PDB file of N, CA and C in Angstrom:
ATOM      1  N   UNK A   1       0.813  -1.201  -0.014  1.00  0.00           N
ATOM      2  CA  UNK A   1       0.010  -0.005   0.003  1.00  0.00           C
ATOM      3  C   UNK A   1       0.868   1.258   0.013  1.00  0.00           C
ATOM      4  N   UNK A   2       1.943   1.210   0.750  1.00  0.00           N
ATOM      5  CA  UNK A   2       2.822   2.397   0.819  1.00  0.00           C
ATOM      6  C   UNK A   2       3.401   2.735  -0.584  1.00  0.00           C
ATOM      7  N   UNK A   3       3.692   1.678  -1.330  1.00  0.00           N
ATOM      8  CA  UNK A   3       4.240   1.877  -2.688  1.00  0.00           C
ATOM      9  C   UNK A   3       3.229   2.603  -3.534  1.00  0.00           C
ATOM     10  N   UNK A   4       1.969   2.241  -3.445  1.00  0.00           N
ATOM     11  CA  UNK A   4       0.926   2.907  -4.226  1.00  0.00           C
ATOM     12  C   UNK A   4       0.773   4.340  -3.766  1.00  0.00           C
ATOM     13  N   UNK A   5       0.711   4.537  -2.446  1.00  0.00           N
ATOM     14  CA  UNK A   5       0.515   5.893  -1.883  1.00  0.00           C
ATOM     15  C   UNK A   5       1.655   6.820  -2.217  1.00  0.00           C
ATOM     16  N   UNK A   6       2.839   6.283  -2.440  1.00  0.00           N
ATOM     17  CA  UNK A   6       4.002   7.153  -2.778  1.00  0.00           C
ATOM     18  C   UNK A   6       4.114   7.457  -4.250  1.00  0.00           C
ATOM     19  N   UNK A   7       3.199   6.951  -5.051  1.00  0.00           N
ATOM     20  CA  UNK A   7       3.252   7.183  -6.490  1.00  0.00           C
ATOM     21  C   UNK A   7       2.040   8.041  -6.900  1.00  0.00           C
ATOM     22  N   UNK A   8       2.294   9.257  -7.320  1.00  0.00           N
ATOM     23  CA  UNK A   8       1.238  10.161  -7.739  1.00  0.00           C
ATOM     24  C   UNK A   8       0.412   9.551  -8.871  1.00  0.00           C
ATOM     25  N   UNK A   9       1.055   8.942  -9.849  1.00  0.00           N
ATOM     26  CA  UNK A   9       0.322   8.424 -10.997  1.00  0.00           C
ATOM     27  C   UNK A   9      -0.549   7.216 -10.588  1.00  0.00           C
ATOM     28  N   UNK A  10      -0.056   6.364  -9.664  1.00  0.00           N
ATOM     29  CA  UNK A  10      -0.855   5.203  -9.220  1.00  0.00           C
ATOM     30  C   UNK A  10      -2.052   5.658  -8.405  1.00  0.00           C
ATOM     31  N   UNK A  11      -1.871   6.619  -7.528  1.00  0.00           N
ATOM     32  CA  UNK A  11      -2.986   7.108  -6.705  1.00  0.00           C
ATOM     33  C   UNK A  11      -4.031   7.799  -7.596  1.00  0.00           C
ATOM     34  N   UNK A  12      -3.559   8.603  -8.530  1.00  0.00           N
ATOM     35  CA  UNK A  12      -4.475   9.281  -9.446  1.00  0.00           C
ATOM     36  C   UNK A  12      -5.297   8.277 -10.266  1.00  0.00           C
ATOM     37  N   UNK A  13      -4.644   7.250 -10.741  1.00  0.00           N
ATOM     38  CA  UNK A  13      -5.328   6.227 -11.531  1.00  0.00           C
ATOM     39  C   UNK A  13      -6.294   5.442 -10.671  1.00  0.00           C
ATOM     40  N   UNK A  14      -5.894   5.070  -9.473  1.00  0.00           N
ATOM     41  CA  UNK A  14      -6.794   4.368  -8.544  1.00  0.00           C
ATOM     42  C   UNK A  14      -8.024   5.181  -8.208  1.00  0.00           C
ATOM     43  N   UNK A  15      -7.831   6.449  -7.886  1.00  0.00           N
ATOM     44  CA  UNK A  15      -8.960   7.334  -7.579  1.00  0.00           C
ATOM     45  C   UNK A  15      -9.886   7.426  -8.769  1.00  0.00           C
ATOM     46  N   UNK A  16      -9.334   7.596  -9.959  1.00  0.00           N
ATOM     47  CA  UNK A  16     -10.126   7.690 -11.176  1.00  0.00           C
ATOM     48  C   UNK A  16     -10.930   6.429 -11.391  1.00  0.00           C
ATOM     49  N   UNK A  17     -10.309   5.266 -11.255  1.00  0.00           N
ATOM     50  CA  UNK A  17     -11.020   4.016 -11.474  1.00  0.00           C
ATOM     51  C   UNK A  17     -12.112   3.787 -10.429  1.00  0.00           C
ATOM     52  N   UNK A  18     -11.806   4.123  -9.179  1.00  0.00           N
ATOM     53  CA  UNK A  18     -12.824   3.968  -8.120  1.00  0.00           C
ATOM     54  C   UNK A  18     -14.010   4.900  -8.352  1.00  0.00           C
ATOM     55  N   UNK A  19     -13.736   6.124  -8.749  1.00  0.00           N
ATOM     56  CA  UNK A  19     -14.833   7.059  -9.020  1.00  0.00           C
ATOM     57  C   UNK A  19     -15.652   6.577 -10.227  1.00  0.00           C
ATOM     58  N   UNK A  20     -15.013   6.021 -11.214  1.00  0.00           N
ATOM     59  CA  UNK A  20     -15.749   5.509 -12.374  1.00  0.00           C
ATOM     60  C   UNK A  20     -16.648   4.349 -11.963  1.00  0.00           C
ATOM     61  N   UNK A  21     -16.150   3.463 -11.142  1.00  0.00           N
ATOM     62  CA  UNK A  21     -16.939   2.324 -10.668  1.00  0.00           C
ATOM     63  C   UNK A  21     -18.165   2.830  -9.902  1.00  0.00           C
ATOM     64  N   UNK A  22     -17.939   3.794  -9.058  1.00  0.00           N
ATOM     65  CA  UNK A  22     -19.027   4.326  -8.216  1.00  0.00           C
ATOM     66  C   UNK A  22     -20.019   5.165  -9.016  1.00  0.00           C
ATOM     67  N   UNK A  23     -19.499   6.121  -9.786  1.00  0.00           N
ATOM     68  CA  UNK A  23     -20.362   7.068 -10.491  1.00  0.00           C
ATOM     69  C   UNK A  23     -21.108   6.479 -11.685  1.00  0.00           C
ATOM     70  N   UNK A  24     -20.556   5.445 -12.302  1.00  0.00           N
ATOM     71  CA  UNK A  24     -21.192   4.870 -13.473  1.00  0.00           C
ATOM     72  C   UNK A  24     -22.120   3.699 -13.126  1.00  0.00           C
ATOM     73  N   UNK A  25     -22.272   3.428 -11.819  1.00  0.00           N
ATOM     74  CA  UNK A  25     -23.224   2.414 -11.383  1.00  0.00           C
ATOM     75  C   UNK A  25     -22.890   0.999 -11.829  1.00  0.00           C
ATOM     76  N   UNK A  26     -21.590   0.681 -11.916  1.00  0.00           N
ATOM     77  CA  UNK A  26     -21.200  -0.666 -12.331  1.00  0.00           C
ATOM     78  C   UNK A  26     -21.403  -1.699 -11.253  1.00  0.00           C
ATOM     79  N   UNK A  27     -21.525  -1.274 -10.001  1.00  0.00           N
ATOM     80  CA  UNK A  27     -21.595  -2.251  -8.911  1.00  0.00           C
ATOM     81  C   UNK A  27     -22.882  -3.006  -8.923  1.00  0.00           C
ATOM     82  N   UNK A  28     -22.805  -4.307  -8.756  1.00  0.00           N
ATOM     83  CA  UNK A  28     -23.953  -5.183  -8.713  1.00  0.00           C
ATOM     84  C   UNK A  28     -24.299  -5.467  -7.265  1.00  0.00           C
ATOM     85  N   UNK A  29     -24.884  -4.455  -6.621  1.00  0.00           N
ATOM     86  CA  UNK A  29     -25.253  -4.595  -5.234  1.00  0.00           C
ATOM     87  C   UNK A  29     -26.763  -4.331  -5.085  1.00  0.00           C
ATOM     88  N   UNK A  30     -27.425  -5.085  -4.193  1.00  0.00           N
ATOM     89  CA  UNK A  30     -28.855  -4.880  -4.044  1.00  0.00           C
ATOM     90  C   UNK A  30     -29.159  -3.454  -3.676  1.00  0.00           C
ATOM     91  N   UNK A  31     -30.090  -2.855  -4.400  1.00  0.00           N
ATOM     92  CA  UNK A  31     -30.504  -1.463  -4.151  1.00  0.00           C
ATOM     93  C   UNK A  31     -29.500  -0.442  -4.614  1.00  0.00           C
ATOM     94  N   UNK A  32     -28.450  -0.884  -5.252  1.00  0.00           N
ATOM     95  CA  UNK A  32     -27.337  -0.059  -5.717  1.00  0.00           C
ATOM     96  C   UNK A  32     -27.063   1.106  -4.760  1.00  0.00           C
ATOM     97  N   UNK A  33     -26.138   0.853  -3.837  1.00  0.00           N
ATOM     98  CA  UNK A  33     -25.763   1.831  -2.830  1.00  0.00           C
ATOM     99  C   UNK A  33     -25.369   3.188  -3.399  1.00  0.00           C
ATOM    100  N   UNK A  34     -24.912   3.200  -4.642  1.00  0.00           N
ATOM    101  CA  UNK A  34     -24.342   4.414  -5.181  1.00  0.00           C
ATOM    102  C   UNK A  34     -25.293   5.233  -6.039  1.00  0.00           C
ATOM    103  N   UNK A  35     -26.544   4.808  -6.158  1.00  0.00           N
ATOM    104  CA  UNK A  35     -27.503   5.625  -6.906  1.00  0.00           C
ATOM    105  C   UNK A  35     -28.118   6.636  -5.918  1.00  0.00           C
ATOM    106  N   UNK A  36     -27.408   7.709  -5.715  1.00  0.00           N
ATOM    107  CA  UNK A  36     -27.827   8.684  -4.708  1.00  0.00           C
ATOM    108  C   UNK A  36     -28.930   9.582  -5.195  1.00  0.00           C
ATOM    109  N   UNK A  37     -29.145   9.723  -6.505  1.00  0.00           N
ATOM    110  CA  UNK A  37     -30.159  10.625  -7.000  1.00  0.00           C
ATOM    111  C   UNK A  37     -31.572  10.204  -6.606  1.00  0.00           C
ATOM    112  N   UNK A  38     -31.840   8.918  -6.618  1.00  0.00           N
ATOM    113  CA  UNK A  38     -33.189   8.432  -6.343  1.00  0.00           C
ATOM    114  C   UNK A  38     -33.387   8.015  -4.903  1.00  0.00           C
ATOM    115  N   UNK A  39     -32.388   8.156  -4.088  1.00  0.00           N
ATOM    116  CA  UNK A  39     -32.483   7.712  -2.707  1.00  0.00           C
ATOM    117  C   UNK A  39     -32.752   8.887  -1.785  1.00  0.00           C
ATOM    118  N   UNK A  40     -33.465   8.620  -0.742  1.00  0.00           N
ATOM    119  CA  UNK A  40     -33.749   9.709   0.189  1.00  0.00           C
ATOM    120  C   UNK A  40     -32.590   9.869   1.147  1.00  0.00           C
ATOM    121  N   UNK A  41     -32.332  11.094   1.618  1.00  0.00           N
ATOM    122  CA  UNK A  41     -31.162  11.388   2.442  1.00  0.00           C
ATOM    123  C   UNK A  41     -31.055  10.551   3.707  1.00  0.00           C
ATOM    124  N   UNK A  42     -32.200  10.237   4.339  1.00  0.00           N
ATOM    125  CA  UNK A  42     -32.164   9.424   5.552  1.00  0.00           C
ATOM    126  C   UNK A  42     -31.664   8.020   5.239  1.00  0.00           C
ATOM    127  N   UNK A  43     -32.040   7.485   4.107  1.00  0.00           N
ATOM    128  CA  UNK A  43     -31.607   6.159   3.710  1.00  0.00           C
ATOM    129  C   UNK A  43     -30.111   6.153   3.460  1.00  0.00           C
ATOM    130  N   UNK A  44     -29.586   7.228   2.869  1.00  0.00           N
ATOM    131  CA  UNK A  44     -28.150   7.310   2.620  1.00  0.00           C
ATOM    132  C   UNK A  44     -27.339   7.337   3.904  1.00  0.00           C
ATOM    133  N   UNK A  45     -27.861   7.955   4.945  1.00  0.00           N
ATOM    134  CA  UNK A  45     -27.204   8.029   6.205  1.00  0.00           C
ATOM    135  C   UNK A  45     -26.995   6.645   6.829  1.00  0.00           C
ATOM    136  N   UNK A  46     -27.877   5.713   6.486  1.00  0.00           N
ATOM    137  CA  UNK A  46     -27.795   4.369   7.035  1.00  0.00           C
ATOM    138  C   UNK A  46     -26.767   3.516   6.327  1.00  0.00           C
ATOM    139  N   UNK A  47     -26.244   3.938   5.220  1.00  0.00           N
ATOM    140  CA  UNK A  47     -25.267   3.159   4.467  1.00  0.00           C
ATOM    141  C   UNK A  47     -23.867   3.515   4.959  1.00  0.00           C
ATOM    142  N   UNK A  48     -23.540   2.954   6.125  1.00  0.00           N
ATOM    143  CA  UNK A  48     -22.245   3.333   6.729  1.00  0.00           C
ATOM    144  C   UNK A  48     -21.070   2.835   5.894  1.00  0.00           C
ATOM    145  N   UNK A  49     -21.259   1.715   5.205  1.00  0.00           N
ATOM    146  CA  UNK A  49     -20.125   1.241   4.404  1.00  0.00           C
ATOM    147  C   UNK A  49     -19.862   2.213   3.265  1.00  0.00           C
ATOM    148  N   UNK A  50     -20.890   2.815   2.709  1.00  0.00           N
ATOM    149  CA  UNK A  50     -20.688   3.825   1.649  1.00  0.00           C
ATOM    150  C   UNK A  50     -19.992   5.066   2.223  1.00  0.00           C
ATOM    151  N   UNK A  51     -20.405   5.475   3.413  1.00  0.00           N
ATOM    152  CA  UNK A  51     -19.743   6.621   4.047  1.00  0.00           C
ATOM    153  C   UNK A  51     -18.286   6.314   4.301  1.00  0.00           C
ATOM    154  N   UNK A  52     -17.999   5.119   4.779  1.00  0.00           N
ATOM    155  CA  UNK A  52     -16.601   4.743   5.057  1.00  0.00           C
ATOM    156  C   UNK A  52     -15.768   4.740   3.772  1.00  0.00           C
ATOM    157  N   UNK A  53     -16.316   4.211   2.701  1.00  0.00           N
ATOM    158  CA  UNK A  53     -15.609   4.220   1.441  1.00  0.00           C
ATOM    159  C   UNK A  53     -15.387   5.641   0.924  1.00  0.00           C
ATOM    160  N   UNK A  54     -16.416   6.466   0.997  1.00  0.00           N
ATOM    161  CA  UNK A  54     -16.275   7.861   0.570  1.00  0.00           C
ATOM    162  C   UNK A  54     -15.260   8.625   1.430  1.00  0.00           C
ATOM    163  N   UNK A  55     -15.246   8.328   2.729  1.00  0.00           N
ATOM    164  CA  UNK A  55     -14.261   8.978   3.598  1.00  0.00           C
ATOM    165  C   UNK A  55     -12.848   8.594   3.196  1.00  0.00           C
ATOM    166  N   UNK A  56     -12.644   7.306   2.919  1.00  0.00           N
ATOM    167  CA  UNK A  56     -11.321   6.844   2.486  1.00  0.00           C
ATOM    168  C   UNK A  56     -10.922   7.483   1.148  1.00  0.00           C
ATOM    169  N   UNK A  57     -11.882   7.535   0.237  1.00  0.00           N
ATOM    170  CA  UNK A  57     -11.597   8.152  -1.085  1.00  0.00           C
ATOM    171  C   UNK A  57     -11.214   9.616  -0.961  1.00  0.00           C
ATOM    172  N   UNK A  58     -11.871  10.312  -0.027  1.00  0.00           N
ATOM    173  CA  UNK A  58     -11.564  11.734   0.122  1.00  0.00           C
ATOM    174  C   UNK A  58     -10.162  11.957   0.691  1.00  0.00           C
ATOM    175  N   UNK A  59      -9.615  10.984   1.381  1.00  0.00           N
ATOM    176  CA  UNK A  59      -8.263  11.087   1.952  1.00  0.00           C
ATOM    177  C   UNK A  59      -7.197  10.533   1.021  1.00  0.00           C
ATOM    178  N   UNK A  60      -7.617   9.784   0.050  1.00  0.00           N
ATOM    179  CA  UNK A  60      -6.661   9.121  -0.858  1.00  0.00           C
ATOM    180  C   UNK A  60      -6.008  10.176  -1.770  1.00  0.00           C
ATOM    181  N   UNK A  61      -4.751  10.359  -1.535  1.00  0.00           N
ATOM    182  CA  UNK A  61      -3.970  11.337  -2.322  1.00  0.00           C
ATOM    183  C   UNK A  61      -2.526  10.858  -2.347  1.00  0.00           C
ATOM    184  N   UNK A  62      -1.745  11.331  -3.297  1.00  0.00           N
ATOM    185  CA  UNK A  62      -0.322  10.961  -3.313  1.00  0.00           C
ATOM    186  C   UNK A  62       0.339  11.328  -1.997  1.00  0.00           C
ATOM    187  N   UNK A  63       1.122  10.447  -1.492  1.00  0.00           N
ATOM    188  CA  UNK A  63       1.898  10.629  -0.257  1.00  0.00           C
ATOM    189  C   UNK A  63       1.047  10.684   1.006  1.00  0.00           C
ATOM    190  N   UNK A  64      -0.174  10.213   0.927  1.00  0.00           N
ATOM    191  CA  UNK A  64      -0.989  10.099   2.146  1.00  0.00           C
ATOM    192  C   UNK A  64      -0.350   9.058   3.031  1.00  0.00           C
ATOM    193  N   UNK A  65      -0.170   9.390   4.279  1.00  0.00           N
ATOM    194  CA  UNK A  65       0.385   8.406   5.219  1.00  0.00           C
ATOM    195  C   UNK A  65      -0.675   7.354   5.486  1.00  0.00           C
ATOM    196  N   UNK A  66      -0.271   6.115   5.478  1.00  0.00           N
ATOM    197  CA  UNK A  66      -1.204   5.026   5.683  1.00  0.00           C
ATOM    198  C   UNK A  66      -1.908   5.131   7.040  1.00  0.00           C
ATOM    199  N   UNK A  67      -1.229   5.745   7.994  1.00  0.00           N
ATOM    200  CA  UNK A  67      -1.845   5.943   9.318  1.00  0.00           C
ATOM    201  C   UNK A  67      -3.073   6.833   9.259  1.00  0.00           C
ATOM    202  N   UNK A  68      -3.097   7.768   8.352  1.00  0.00           N
ATOM    203  CA  UNK A  68      -4.260   8.623   8.161  1.00  0.00           C
ATOM    204  C   UNK A  68      -5.468   7.808   7.706  1.00  0.00           C
ATOM    205  N   UNK A  69      -5.219   6.886   6.768  1.00  0.00           N
ATOM    206  CA  UNK A  69      -6.303   6.010   6.313  1.00  0.00           C
ATOM    207  C   UNK A  69      -6.790   5.068   7.417  1.00  0.00           C
ATOM    208  N   UNK A  70      -5.848   4.530   8.197  1.00  0.00           N
ATOM    209  CA  UNK A  70      -6.213   3.643   9.287  1.00  0.00           C
ATOM    210  C   UNK A  70      -6.978   4.429  10.370  1.00  0.00           C
ATOM    211  N   UNK A  71      -6.585   5.652  10.630  1.00  0.00           N
ATOM    212  CA  UNK A  71      -7.327   6.483  11.622  1.00  0.00           C
ATOM    213  C   UNK A  71      -8.747   6.757  11.126  1.00  0.00           C
ATOM    214  N   UNK A  72      -8.901   6.948   9.831  1.00  0.00           N
ATOM    215  CA  UNK A  72     -10.230   7.154   9.248  1.00  0.00           C
ATOM    216  C   UNK A  72     -11.108   5.933   9.490  1.00  0.00           C
ATOM    217  N   UNK A  73     -10.590   4.761   9.208  1.00  0.00           N
ATOM    218  CA  UNK A  73     -11.368   3.537   9.426  1.00  0.00           C
ATOM    219  C   UNK A  73     -11.675   3.395  10.926  1.00  0.00           C
ATOM    220  N   UNK A  74     -10.699   3.655  11.757  1.00  0.00           N
ATOM    221  CA  UNK A  74     -10.895   3.560  13.215  1.00  0.00           C
ATOM    222  C   UNK A  74     -11.983   4.509  13.712  1.00  0.00           C
ATOM    223  N   UNK A  75     -11.955   5.749  13.209  1.00  0.00           N
ATOM    224  CA  UNK A  75     -12.958   6.745  13.597  1.00  0.00           C
ATOM    225  C   UNK A  75     -14.358   6.312  13.181  1.00  0.00           C
ATOM    226  N   UNK A  76     -14.476   5.773  11.955  1.00  0.00           N
ATOM    227  CA  UNK A  76     -15.788   5.324  11.481  1.00  0.00           C
ATOM    228  C   UNK A  76     -16.288   4.145  12.290  1.00  0.00           C
ATOM    229  N   UNK A  77     -15.382   3.229  12.624  1.00  0.00           N
ATOM    230  CA  UNK A  77     -15.823   2.097  13.450  1.00  0.00           C
ATOM    231  C   UNK A  77     -16.250   2.548  14.837  1.00  0.00           C
ATOM    232  N   UNK A  78     -15.526   3.505  15.378  1.00  0.00           N
ATOM    233  CA  UNK A  78     -15.922   4.070  16.668  1.00  0.00           C
ATOM    234  C   UNK A  78     -17.302   4.711  16.603  1.00  0.00           C
ATOM    235  N   UNK A  79     -17.544   5.497  15.555  1.00  0.00           N
ATOM    236  CA  UNK A  79     -18.806   6.205  15.416  1.00  0.00           C
ATOM    237  C   UNK A  79     -19.989   5.294  15.061  1.00  0.00           C
ATOM    238  N   UNK A  80     -19.771   4.296  14.234  1.00  0.00           N
ATOM    239  CA  UNK A  80     -20.882   3.496  13.709  1.00  0.00           C
ATOM    240  C   UNK A  80     -21.058   2.135  14.371  1.00  0.00           C
ATOM    241  N   UNK A  81     -20.031   1.641  15.052  1.00  0.00           N
ATOM    242  CA  UNK A  81     -20.145   0.313  15.626  1.00  0.00           C
ATOM    243  C   UNK A  81     -19.982   0.331  17.151  1.00  0.00           C
ATOM    244  N   UNK A  82     -18.894   0.952  17.612  1.00  0.00           N
ATOM    245  CA  UNK A  82     -18.572   0.874  19.037  1.00  0.00           C
ATOM    246  C   UNK A  82     -19.485   1.774  19.876  1.00  0.00           C
ATOM    247  N   UNK A  83     -19.597   3.055  19.515  1.00  0.00           N
ATOM    248  CA  UNK A  83     -20.405   3.979  20.327  1.00  0.00           C
ATOM    249  C   UNK A  83     -21.892   3.621  20.378  1.00  0.00           C
ATOM    250  N   UNK A  84     -22.490   3.222  19.267  1.00  0.00           N
ATOM    251  CA  UNK A  84     -23.929   2.881  19.332  1.00  0.00           C
ATOM    252  C   UNK A  84     -24.239   1.608  20.102  1.00  0.00           C
ATOM    253  N   UNK A  85     -23.244   0.809  20.419  1.00  0.00           N
ATOM    254  CA  UNK A  85     -23.466  -0.437  21.128  1.00  0.00           C
ATOM    255  C   UNK A  85     -23.736  -0.202  22.601  1.00  0.00           C
ATOM    256  N   UNK A  86     -24.838  -0.777  23.073  1.00  0.00           N
ATOM    257  CA  UNK A  86     -25.185  -0.626  24.494  1.00  0.00           C
ATOM    258  C   UNK A  86     -24.864  -1.863  25.293  1.00  0.00           C
ATOM    259  N   UNK A  87     -24.544  -2.929  24.596  1.00  0.00           N
ATOM    260  CA  UNK A  87     -24.203  -4.190  25.278  1.00  0.00           C
ATOM    261  C   UNK A  87     -23.228  -4.973  24.424  1.00  0.00           C
ATOM    262  N   UNK A  88     -22.662  -5.977  25.039  1.00  0.00           N
ATOM    263  CA  UNK A  88     -21.730  -6.841  24.306  1.00  0.00           C
ATOM    264  C   UNK A  88     -22.435  -7.535  23.149  1.00  0.00           C
ATOM    265  N   UNK A  89     -23.644  -7.955  23.367  1.00  0.00           N
ATOM    266  CA  UNK A  89     -24.418  -8.646  22.313  1.00  0.00           C
ATOM    267  C   UNK A  89     -24.722  -7.708  21.165  1.00  0.00           C
ATOM    268  N   UNK A  90     -25.112  -6.472  21.483  1.00  0.00           N
ATOM    269  CA  UNK A  90     -25.394  -5.499  20.423  1.00  0.00           C
ATOM    270  C   UNK A  90     -24.123  -5.148  19.653  1.00  0.00           C
ATOM    271  N   UNK A  91     -23.014  -5.033  20.378  1.00  0.00           N
ATOM    272  CA  UNK A  91     -21.730  -4.762  19.731  1.00  0.00           C
ATOM    273  C   UNK A  91     -21.396  -5.862  18.731  1.00  0.00           C
ATOM    274  N   UNK A  92     -21.560  -7.102  19.150  1.00  0.00           N
ATOM    275  CA  UNK A  92     -21.261  -8.236  18.249  1.00  0.00           C
ATOM    276  C   UNK A  92     -22.149  -8.178  16.992  1.00  0.00           C
ATOM    277  N   UNK A  93     -23.397  -7.854  17.176  1.00  0.00           N
ATOM    278  CA  UNK A  93     -24.314  -7.788  16.032  1.00  0.00           C
ATOM    279  C   UNK A  93     -23.932  -6.659  15.079  1.00  0.00           C
ATOM    280  N   UNK A  94     -23.686  -5.456  15.646  1.00  0.00           N
ATOM    281  CA  UNK A  94     -23.320  -4.313  14.810  1.00  0.00           C
ATOM    282  C   UNK A  94     -21.966  -4.578  14.101  1.00  0.00           C
ATOM    283  N   UNK A  95     -21.020  -5.151  14.820  1.00  0.00           N
ATOM    284  CA  UNK A  95     -19.711  -5.419  14.255  1.00  0.00           C
ATOM    285  C   UNK A  95     -19.803  -6.459  13.147  1.00  0.00           C
ATOM    286  N   UNK A  96     -20.556  -7.512  13.349  1.00  0.00           N
ATOM    287  CA  UNK A  96     -20.675  -8.552  12.324  1.00  0.00           C
ATOM    288  C   UNK A  96     -21.461  -8.034  11.114  1.00  0.00           C
ATOM    289  N   UNK A  97     -22.490  -7.251  11.335  1.00  0.00           N
ATOM    290  CA  UNK A  97     -23.233  -6.643  10.244  1.00  0.00           C
ATOM    291  C   UNK A  97     -22.362  -5.708   9.414  1.00  0.00           C
ATOM    292  N   UNK A  98     -21.592  -4.873  10.107  1.00  0.00           N
ATOM    293  CA  UNK A  98     -20.699  -3.959   9.388  1.00  0.00           C
ATOM    294  C   UNK A  98     -19.675  -4.735   8.592  1.00  0.00           C
ATOM    295  N   UNK A  99     -19.050  -5.743   9.224  1.00  0.00           N
ATOM    296  CA  UNK A  99     -17.996  -6.515   8.545  1.00  0.00           C
ATOM    297  C   UNK A  99     -18.576  -7.212   7.323  1.00  0.00           C
ATOM    298  N   UNK A 100     -19.759  -7.764   7.430  1.00  0.00           N
ATOM    299  CA  UNK A 100     -20.369  -8.434   6.296  1.00  0.00           C
ATOM    300  C   UNK A 100     -20.638  -7.463   5.149  1.00  0.00           C
ATOM    301  N   UNK A 101     -21.262  -6.323   5.447  1.00  0.00           N
ATOM    302  CA  UNK A 101     -21.583  -5.332   4.412  1.00  0.00           C
ATOM    303  C   UNK A 101     -20.316  -4.720   3.801  1.00  0.00           C
ATOM    304  N   UNK A 102     -19.307  -4.437   4.620  1.00  0.00           N
ATOM    305  CA  UNK A 102     -18.057  -3.871   4.162  1.00  0.00           C
ATOM    306  C   UNK A 102     -17.346  -4.861   3.224  1.00  0.00           C
ATOM    307  N   UNK A 103     -17.274  -6.111   3.651  1.00  0.00           N
ATOM    308  CA  UNK A 103     -16.628  -7.109   2.791  1.00  0.00           C
ATOM    309  C   UNK A 103     -17.388  -7.319   1.476  1.00  0.00           C
ATOM    310  N   UNK A 104     -18.706  -7.281   1.562  1.00  0.00           N
ATOM    311  CA  UNK A 104     -19.535  -7.416   0.358  1.00  0.00           C
ATOM    312  C   UNK A 104     -19.262  -6.254  -0.603  1.00  0.00           C
ATOM    313  N   UNK A 105     -19.212  -5.044  -0.080  1.00  0.00           N
ATOM    314  CA  UNK A 105     -18.944  -3.864  -0.894  1.00  0.00           C
ATOM    315  C   UNK A 105     -17.558  -3.923  -1.547  1.00  0.00           C
ATOM    316  N   UNK A 106     -16.550  -4.251  -0.745  1.00  0.00           N
ATOM    317  CA  UNK A 106     -15.185  -4.314  -1.293  1.00  0.00           C
ATOM    318  C   UNK A 106     -15.041  -5.436  -2.322  1.00  0.00           C
ATOM    319  N   UNK A 107     -15.724  -6.562  -2.088  1.00  0.00           N
ATOM    320  CA  UNK A 107     -15.707  -7.646  -3.080  1.00  0.00           C
ATOM    321  C   UNK A 107     -16.361  -7.205  -4.367  1.00  0.00           C
ATOM    322  N   UNK A 108     -17.462  -6.462  -4.261  1.00  0.00           N
ATOM    323  CA  UNK A 108     -18.161  -5.977  -5.456  1.00  0.00           C
ATOM    324  C   UNK A 108     -17.255  -4.989  -6.224  1.00  0.00           C
ATOM    325  N   UNK A 109     -16.566  -4.114  -5.497  1.00  0.00           N
ATOM    326  CA  UNK A 109     -15.662  -3.151  -6.146  1.00  0.00           C
ATOM    327  C   UNK A 109     -14.534  -3.914  -6.836  1.00  0.00           C
ATOM    328  N   UNK A 110     -13.945  -4.863  -6.162  1.00  0.00           N
ATOM    329  CA  UNK A 110     -12.849  -5.653  -6.769  1.00  0.00           C
ATOM    330  C   UNK A 110     -13.326  -6.399  -7.999  1.00  0.00           C
ATOM    331  N   UNK A 111     -14.494  -6.960  -7.922  1.00  0.00           N
ATOM    332  CA  UNK A 111     -15.049  -7.713  -9.046  1.00  0.00           C
ATOM    333  C   UNK A 111     -15.233  -6.791 -10.257  1.00  0.00           C
ATOM    334  N   UNK A 112     -15.843  -5.632 -10.055  1.00  0.00           N
ATOM    335  CA  UNK A 112     -16.070  -4.714 -11.156  1.00  0.00           C
ATOM    336  C   UNK A 112     -14.784  -4.198 -11.737  1.00  0.00           C
ATOM    337  N   UNK A 113     -13.830  -3.875 -10.878  1.00  0.00           N
ATOM    338  CA  UNK A 113     -12.580  -3.360 -11.380  1.00  0.00           C
ATOM    339  C   UNK A 113     -11.829  -4.458 -12.189  1.00  0.00           C
ATOM    340  N   UNK A 114     -11.924  -5.678 -11.751  1.00  0.00           N
ATOM    341  CA  UNK A 114     -11.295  -6.766 -12.473  1.00  0.00           C
ATOM    342  C   UNK A 114     -11.985  -7.020 -13.805  1.00  0.00           C
ATOM    343  N   UNK A 115     -13.312  -7.111 -13.811  1.00  0.00           N
ATOM    344  CA  UNK A 115     -14.038  -7.368 -15.028  1.00  0.00           C
ATOM    345  C   UNK A 115     -13.955  -6.274 -16.045  1.00  0.00           C
ATOM    346  N   UNK A 116     -13.785  -5.042 -15.580  1.00  0.00           N
ATOM    347  CA  UNK A 116     -13.663  -3.910 -16.491  1.00  0.00           C
ATOM    348  C   UNK A 116     -12.219  -3.539 -16.782  1.00  0.00           C
ATOM    349  N   UNK A 117     -11.315  -4.443 -16.440  1.00  0.00           N
ATOM    350  CA  UNK A 117      -9.895  -4.243 -16.729  1.00  0.00           C
ATOM    351  C   UNK A 117      -9.388  -2.862 -16.259  1.00  0.00           C
ATOM    352  N   UNK A 118      -9.788  -2.484 -15.057  1.00  0.00           N
ATOM    353  CA  UNK A 118      -9.326  -1.217 -14.523  1.00  0.00           C
ATOM    354  C   UNK A 118      -7.799  -1.194 -14.470  1.00  0.00           C
ATOM    355  N   UNK A 119      -7.210  -0.200 -15.059  1.00  0.00           N
ATOM    356  CA  UNK A 119      -5.742  -0.103 -15.110  1.00  0.00           C
ATOM    357  C   UNK A 119      -5.086  -0.164 -13.716  1.00  0.00           C
ATOM    358  N   UNK A 120      -5.758   0.426 -12.736  1.00  0.00           N
ATOM    359  CA  UNK A 120      -5.176   0.475 -11.410  1.00  0.00           C
ATOM    360  C   UNK A 120      -5.284  -0.849 -10.680  1.00  0.00           C
ATOM    361  N   UNK A 121      -6.047  -1.757 -11.223  1.00  0.00           N
ATOM    362  CA  UNK A 121      -6.290  -3.031 -10.522  1.00  0.00           C
ATOM    363  C   UNK A 121      -5.537  -4.182 -11.149  1.00  0.00           C
ATOM    364  N   UNK A 122      -4.675  -3.869 -12.064  1.00  0.00           N
ATOM    365  CA  UNK A 122      -3.851  -4.925 -12.688  1.00  0.00           C
ATOM    366  C   UNK A 122      -4.684  -5.673 -13.660  1.00  0.00           C
TER     367      UNK A 122
END
């Protein structure tokens, strides 16, 4: 990851490919998380995995320290999983739900980038 972050051309290409995947609606996800035009704002607030991905994208720049990206993920987990938990059982449910949705989203992004021969994805 550090190698990618230290290369302006690789980061620029990765950002471009990710934005293309998101903005052109290539993702095959139920309800298409990224079709923001037809979705109501309250519904968008519930898509924490989308917010996490957008937060990471906003920080992705050449020479971004990997610790900045990790802190972003940590802050989002704190806000969306840890703080809302009132019990150990609720924490487990929120954490497993988040992990499942996050993994599903990243798998969908990887699949689309691979199938569309995204330059940044090899």
